[in-house]
């Protein structure tokens, strides 16, 4: 177990922000997202409040912060299948789903 590690389940705007803030505070952050992309529902919107701008205007900044921070790892098309231990001292198992299947 690594000390000062945070597991964030869900890569929507809130999950990304939590991981970024934890990483910038010095913690290792791991994001587990079930979809093939980060951004959650915001990434699917035409425009969002309060700026009424397309999603990429807000998400792009968070994507860049995640990409440029070595303390953040993320897994897409993944799900947490088991968590054991106690608060602050736990282990999690992650199932990674394939992105594609090769036909022979």
Protein backbone atom coordinates (compact mmCIF):
# COMPACT_ATOMS: atom_id res chain seq x y z
CA UNK A 1 0.00 0.00 0.00
CA UNK A 2 1.27 3.44 -0.87
CA UNK A 3 0.76 6.17 1.67
CA UNK A 4 -1.07 9.31 0.60
CA UNK A 5 -2.92 7.64 -2.25
CA UNK A 6 -6.50 8.50 -3.19
CA UNK A 7 -8.91 6.31 -5.18
CA UNK A 8 -11.54 8.28 -7.08
CA UNK A 9 -14.40 6.21 -8.45
CA UNK A 10 -15.89 8.07 -11.41
CA UNK A 11 -14.16 10.31 -13.92
CA UNK A 12 -16.83 12.95 -14.29
CA UNK A 13 -16.14 16.62 -13.64
CA UNK A 14 -16.34 16.12 -9.85
CA UNK A 15 -14.12 13.04 -9.88
CA UNK A 16 -11.54 14.72 -12.10
CA UNK A 17 -11.53 17.80 -9.88
CA UNK A 18 -11.13 15.70 -6.71
CA UNK A 19 -8.19 13.80 -8.23
CA UNK A 20 -6.53 16.99 -9.48
CA UNK A 21 -6.87 18.78 -6.16
CA UNK A 22 -5.55 15.75 -4.22
CA UNK A 23 -2.61 15.41 -6.62
CA UNK A 24 -1.77 19.08 -6.36
CA UNK A 25 -1.81 18.66 -2.56
CA UNK A 26 0.87 15.96 -2.92
CA UNK A 27 -1.18 12.75 -3.00
CA UNK A 28 -1.10 10.03 -5.64
CA UNK A 29 -4.53 9.92 -7.33
CA UNK A 30 -6.10 7.02 -9.21
CA UNK A 31 -9.30 7.60 -11.20
CA UNK A 32 -11.43 4.60 -12.19
CA UNK A 33 -14.05 5.38 -14.88
CA UNK A 34 -16.49 2.85 -16.34
CA UNK A 35 -16.88 4.68 -19.66
CA UNK A 36 -14.25 4.89 -22.39
CA UNK A 37 -13.65 8.59 -21.69
CA UNK A 38 -13.33 11.03 -18.81
CA UNK A 39 -15.75 13.92 -18.42
CA UNK A 40 -18.96 12.13 -17.50
CA UNK A 41 -22.25 13.74 -18.44
CA UNK A 42 -20.70 17.14 -18.98
CA UNK A 43 -18.76 15.73 -21.95
CA UNK A 44 -22.08 14.75 -23.54
CA UNK A 45 -23.78 18.13 -23.24
CA UNK A 46 -24.29 20.66 -26.00
CA UNK A 47 -23.72 23.58 -23.61
CA UNK A 48 -23.53 23.85 -19.87
CA UNK A 49 -24.30 26.46 -17.22
CA UNK A 50 -23.18 29.08 -16.14
CA UNK A 51 -21.03 30.00 -19.16
CA UNK A 52 -23.34 28.34 -21.69
CA UNK A 53 -20.28 27.20 -23.56
CA UNK A 54 -19.52 23.82 -25.13
CA UNK A 55 -18.16 21.23 -22.67
CA UNK A 56 -14.64 21.32 -24.04
CA UNK A 57 -14.10 24.88 -22.78
CA UNK A 58 -14.15 23.67 -19.17
CA UNK A 59 -13.08 20.06 -19.56
CA UNK A 60 -10.03 20.90 -21.66
CA UNK A 61 -8.38 22.62 -18.69
CA UNK A 62 -8.95 19.58 -16.46
CA UNK A 63 -7.74 17.18 -19.16
CA UNK A 64 -4.54 19.20 -19.47
CA UNK A 65 -4.04 19.29 -15.68
CA UNK A 66 -4.48 15.50 -15.51
CA UNK A 67 -2.13 14.87 -18.43
CA UNK A 68 0.58 17.12 -17.00
CA UNK A 69 0.46 15.79 -13.44
CA UNK A 70 2.56 12.65 -12.88
CA UNK A 71 0.70 11.96 -9.61
CA UNK A 72 -2.54 11.15 -11.47
CA UNK A 73 -3.26 7.80 -13.11
CA UNK A 74 -6.59 6.99 -14.70
CA UNK A 75 -8.24 3.85 -15.97
CA UNK A 76 -11.14 4.06 -18.41
CA UNK A 77 -13.45 1.19 -19.28
CA UNK A 78 -12.68 -0.09 -15.80
CA UNK A 79 -14.60 -0.86 -12.65
CA UNK A 80 -13.80 -1.46 -9.01
CA UNK A 81 -14.70 -5.06 -8.21
CA UNK A 82 -13.48 -5.30 -4.62
CA UNK A 83 -12.42 -3.01 -1.80
CA UNK A 84 -11.03 -4.44 1.43
CA UNK A 85 -9.53 -2.93 4.53
CA UNK A 86 -10.63 0.12 6.44
CA UNK A 87 -10.84 3.86 5.92
CA UNK A 88 -7.38 5.17 5.15
CA UNK A 89 -5.92 1.65 4.85
CA UNK A 90 -7.54 -0.24 2.01
CA UNK A 91 -6.82 -2.16 -1.16
CA UNK A 92 -8.95 -2.12 -4.29
CA UNK A 93 -9.17 -4.53 -7.21
CA UNK A 94 -9.90 -3.05 -10.62
CA UNK A 95 -11.31 -4.92 -13.62
CA UNK A 96 -10.13 -3.50 -16.95
CA UNK A 97 -12.49 -4.14 -19.85
CA UNK A 98 -11.06 -4.58 -23.37
CA UNK A 99 -11.26 -1.69 -25.81
CA UNK A 100 -11.67 -4.03 -28.76
CA UNK A 101 -11.51 -7.71 -29.67
CA UNK A 102 -9.42 -9.04 -32.55
CA UNK A 103 -11.20 -11.60 -34.71
CA UNK A 104 -9.05 -14.34 -36.15
